[in-house]
Amino acid sequence: KQFEEDIRQQNERLAALNEIAGIVSHSLNPDDTLSGVIDKVMDIMRFQAGSIFLLDRETKHATLKSCRSAHEARPRLEDALQQACAVCDDVRMQVINTGQPVFVKDIRRHSALAQSELAEMGFLGLISLPLTSKDVMFGLMVLLTDEFRQFSRDDLQFLLAIGQQVGMSLENINLYQEELQAKERLEELNKLKDDFVA
């Protein structure tokens, strides 16, 4: 019986990874991509809320880019996540420095998060994981649960695989945006040259 359940869960996760690969390869619009990924992760892993923060590679400052919730009003959750990111430097820096997920089993007992709006909203657990590509971290995914949960090694490996897929997508989006900016700059220079010659 347990073997059948393990096989079912593995098949479900492989299907989810394939769906996420489709989501991240379908669009170079980060808003569509990130929202779709969060929705899928929340569904398959039974999280009540999820978000993606993009990192400034120089300052390591994290900016909320996408946020989804099964229950809460989105603006309130966005504010609570921004506040939590600002006061909870230790979790963010631990993920950045180790490149590994960080799990807070009980937000109410965490020194920086206990008085946060996330705790007031009833969230109990938080997991933060890196979004990386080629050893470069592009952001963090923060997932919230309103129940006490344990995460197996398989759970963490699954979440890391998703983080790598999203990281590759973010890298591609950055490269595309840099190419567009270079093209626009070249067009501006050509126009100036044409105006000067005329």
Protein backbone atom coordinates (compact mmCIF):
# COMPACT_ATOMS: atom_id res chain seq x y z
CA LYS A 1 0.00 0.00 0.00
CA GLN A 2 2.77 2.47 0.94
CA PHE A 3 4.68 1.53 -2.22
CA GLU A 4 1.63 2.38 -4.34
CA GLU A 5 1.28 5.73 -2.56
CA ASP A 6 4.99 6.50 -3.13
CA ILE A 7 4.64 5.68 -6.85
CA ARG A 8 1.51 7.82 -7.14
CA GLN A 9 3.28 10.76 -5.45
CA GLN A 10 6.35 10.38 -7.70
CA ASN A 11 4.17 10.33 -10.81
CA GLU A 12 2.25 13.38 -9.60
CA ARG A 13 5.50 15.28 -8.99
CA LEU A 14 6.98 14.32 -12.36
CA ALA A 15 3.81 15.56 -14.03
CA ALA A 16 4.05 18.79 -12.02
CA LEU A 17 7.69 19.29 -13.04
CA ASN A 18 6.68 18.82 -16.67
CA GLU A 19 3.84 21.34 -16.26
CA ILE A 20 6.20 23.83 -14.62
CA ALA A 21 8.72 23.32 -17.43
CA GLY A 22 5.91 24.18 -19.84
CA ILE A 23 4.95 27.27 -17.85
CA VAL A 24 8.51 28.64 -17.64
CA SER A 25 9.31 27.94 -21.29
CA HIS A 26 6.03 29.33 -22.64
CA SER A 27 6.51 33.01 -21.88
CA LEU A 28 9.20 35.64 -21.38
CA ASN A 29 6.72 37.65 -19.32
CA PRO A 30 7.84 37.17 -15.70
CA ASP A 31 4.41 37.97 -14.24
CA ASP A 32 2.68 35.15 -16.14
CA THR A 33 5.51 32.71 -15.53
CA LEU A 34 5.93 33.31 -11.81
CA SER A 35 2.21 33.31 -10.97
CA GLY A 36 1.72 30.04 -12.85
CA VAL A 37 4.63 28.40 -11.04
CA ILE A 38 3.40 29.50 -7.61
CA ASP A 39 -0.11 28.21 -8.34
CA LYS A 40 1.25 24.81 -9.39
CA VAL A 41 3.55 24.49 -6.35
CA MET A 42 0.73 25.48 -3.99
CA ASP A 43 -1.52 22.89 -5.58
CA ILE A 44 0.88 19.95 -5.61
CA MET A 45 2.50 20.60 -2.21
CA ARG A 46 -0.63 21.87 -0.41
CA PHE A 47 0.69 25.32 0.56
CA GLN A 48 -1.77 28.06 1.40
CA ALA A 49 0.32 30.93 0.00
CA GLY A 50 3.42 31.45 -2.09
CA SER A 51 5.57 34.25 -3.39
CA ILE A 52 8.63 34.95 -5.45
CA PHE A 53 11.15 37.62 -4.58
CA LEU A 54 13.75 38.76 -7.11
CA LEU A 55 17.23 39.51 -5.81
CA ASP A 56 19.43 42.44 -6.64
CA ARG A 57 22.69 40.57 -7.24
CA GLU A 58 24.84 43.37 -5.84
CA THR A 59 22.93 44.43 -2.72
CA LYS A 60 21.12 41.09 -2.09
CA HIS A 61 17.94 43.14 -1.55
CA ALA A 62 14.80 41.07 -2.25
CA THR A 63 11.81 42.62 -4.03
CA LEU A 64 8.43 40.90 -4.12
CA LYS A 65 7.58 40.10 -7.75
CA SER A 66 4.65 37.69 -7.50
CA CYS A 67 2.31 36.55 -4.75
CA ARG A 68 -0.56 34.06 -4.63
CA SER A 69 -2.87 32.93 -1.85
CA ALA A 70 -5.57 30.34 -1.38
CA HIS A 71 -7.38 32.38 1.31
CA GLU A 72 -6.10 35.82 2.20
CA ALA A 73 -6.72 39.10 0.47
CA ARG A 74 -3.74 39.56 -1.80
CA PRO A 75 -2.79 43.17 -0.86
CA ARG A 76 -2.66 42.25 2.83
CA LEU A 77 -0.52 39.20 2.08
CA GLU A 78 1.83 41.24 -0.13
CA ASP A 79 2.33 43.76 2.68
CA ALA A 80 2.88 40.98 5.22
CA LEU A 81 5.45 39.26 2.98
CA GLN A 82 7.35 42.50 2.34
CA GLN A 83 7.40 43.17 6.08
CA ALA A 84 8.55 39.63 6.85
CA CYS A 85 11.32 39.86 4.26
CA ALA A 86 12.51 43.14 5.77
CA VAL A 87 12.58 41.90 9.38
CA CYS A 88 13.70 38.34 8.71
CA ASP A 89 17.15 38.94 7.30
CA ASP A 90 18.53 35.71 8.80
CA VAL A 91 16.33 33.42 6.70
CA ARG A 92 16.99 35.34 3.47
CA MET A 93 20.74 35.48 4.04
CA GLN A 94 20.91 31.81 5.02
CA VAL A 95 19.26 30.82 1.73
CA ILE A 96 21.56 33.18 -0.20
CA ASN A 97 24.72 31.98 1.55
CA THR A 98 24.00 28.25 1.48
CA GLY A 99 21.91 27.93 -1.68
CA GLN A 100 19.69 25.54 0.30
CA PRO A 101 16.07 25.78 1.46
CA VAL A 102 15.40 27.14 4.92
CA PHE A 103 12.37 25.91 6.83
CA VAL A 104 10.74 27.73 9.75
CA LYS A 105 8.55 25.12 11.41
CA ASP A 106 6.64 27.55 13.63
CA ILE A 107 6.55 31.22 12.64
CA ARG A 108 5.12 32.09 16.06
CA ARG A 109 8.34 30.91 17.73
CA HIS A 110 10.78 32.57 15.31
CA SER A 111 12.41 35.65 16.85
CA ALA A 112 11.85 37.93 13.85
CA LEU A 113 8.56 36.48 12.56
CA ALA A 114 6.64 35.92 15.81
CA GLN A 115 5.22 39.46 15.82
CA SER A 116 4.79 39.65 12.05
CA GLU A 117 1.55 40.04 10.19
CA LEU A 118 2.10 36.55 8.73
CA ALA A 119 1.72 35.10 12.23
CA GLU A 120 -1.39 37.23 12.81
CA MET A 121 -2.85 35.89 9.55
CA GLY A 122 -2.58 32.34 10.90
CA PHE A 123 0.39 31.05 8.93
CA LEU A 124 2.48 28.58 10.92
CA GLY A 125 5.21 27.26 8.63
CA LEU A 126 7.45 28.95 6.09
CA ILE A 127 9.93 27.53 3.64
CA SER A 128 12.24 29.70 1.57
CA LEU A 129 14.20 28.27 -1.33
CA PRO A 130 16.66 29.61 -3.89
CA LEU A 131 15.86 30.25 -7.54
CA THR A 132 19.17 29.53 -9.24
CA SER A 133 20.69 28.92 -12.63
CA LYS A 134 24.35 28.02 -13.18
CA ASP A 135 25.17 28.80 -9.54
CA VAL A 136 23.71 32.31 -9.84
CA MET A 137 20.81 33.13 -7.54
CA PHE A 138 18.08 35.18 -9.19
CA GLY A 139 15.50 35.10 -6.42
CA LEU A 140 13.74 33.29 -3.62
CA MET A 141 10.48 31.41 -3.46
CA VAL A 142 8.70 31.69 -0.10
CA LEU A 143 5.90 29.23 0.62
CA LEU A 144 3.54 29.35 3.59
CA THR A 145 1.38 26.79 5.32
CA ASP A 146 -1.26 27.14 8.01
CA GLU A 147 -0.46 23.76 9.56
CA PHE A 148 2.57 22.16 11.16
CA ARG A 149 4.39 20.21 8.48
CA GLN A 150 7.47 18.10 8.12
CA PHE A 151 9.26 18.08 4.79
CA SER A 152 11.03 14.97 3.61
CA ARG A 153 14.27 14.94 1.67
CA ASP A 154 12.20 14.13 -1.43
CA ASP A 155 10.01 17.19 -0.78
CA LEU A 156 13.08 19.43 -0.56
CA GLN A 157 14.65 17.89 -3.68
CA PHE A 158 11.41 18.45 -5.57
CA LEU A 159 11.26 22.10 -4.45
CA LEU A 160 14.93 22.61 -5.38
CA ALA A 161 14.27 21.18 -8.85
CA ILE A 162 11.45 23.68 -9.27
CA GLY A 163 13.75 26.44 -8.03
CA GLN A 164 16.29 25.53 -10.69
CA GLN A 165 13.66 25.56 -13.44
CA VAL A 166 12.42 28.97 -12.33
CA GLY A 167 16.01 30.22 -12.01
CA MET A 168 16.73 29.22 -15.62
CA SER A 169 13.56 30.98 -16.72
CA LEU A 170 14.56 34.15 -14.84
CA GLU A 171 18.00 34.02 -16.44
CA ASN A 172 16.41 33.72 -19.90
CA ILE A 173 14.05 36.60 -19.14
CA ASN A 174 17.01 38.75 -18.02
CA LEU A 175 18.97 37.91 -21.16
CA TYR A 176 15.96 38.72 -23.35
CA GLN A 177 15.41 42.06 -21.59
CA GLU A 178 19.12 42.94 -21.94
CA GLU A 179 18.94 42.12 -25.65
CA LEU A 180 15.87 44.34 -26.08
CA GLN A 181 17.60 47.21 -24.29
CA ALA A 182 20.71 46.81 -26.45
CA LYS A 183 18.54 46.78 -29.59
CA GLU A 184 16.69 49.94 -28.49
CA ARG A 185 20.00 51.68 -27.73
CA LEU A 186 21.38 50.69 -31.13
CA GLU A 187 18.24 52.06 -32.83
CA GLU A 188 18.66 55.33 -30.92
CA LEU A 189 22.29 55.59 -32.01
CA ASN A 190 21.36 54.86 -35.63
CA LYS A 191 18.69 57.57 -35.50
CA LEU A 192 21.21 60.07 -34.07
CA LYS A 193 23.70 59.12 -36.77
CA ASP A 194 21.06 59.54 -39.50
CA ASP A 195 20.00 62.91 -38.06
CA PHE A 196 23.63 64.04 -37.89
CA VAL A 197 24.39 62.97 -41.49
CA ALA A 198 21.20 64.57 -42.81
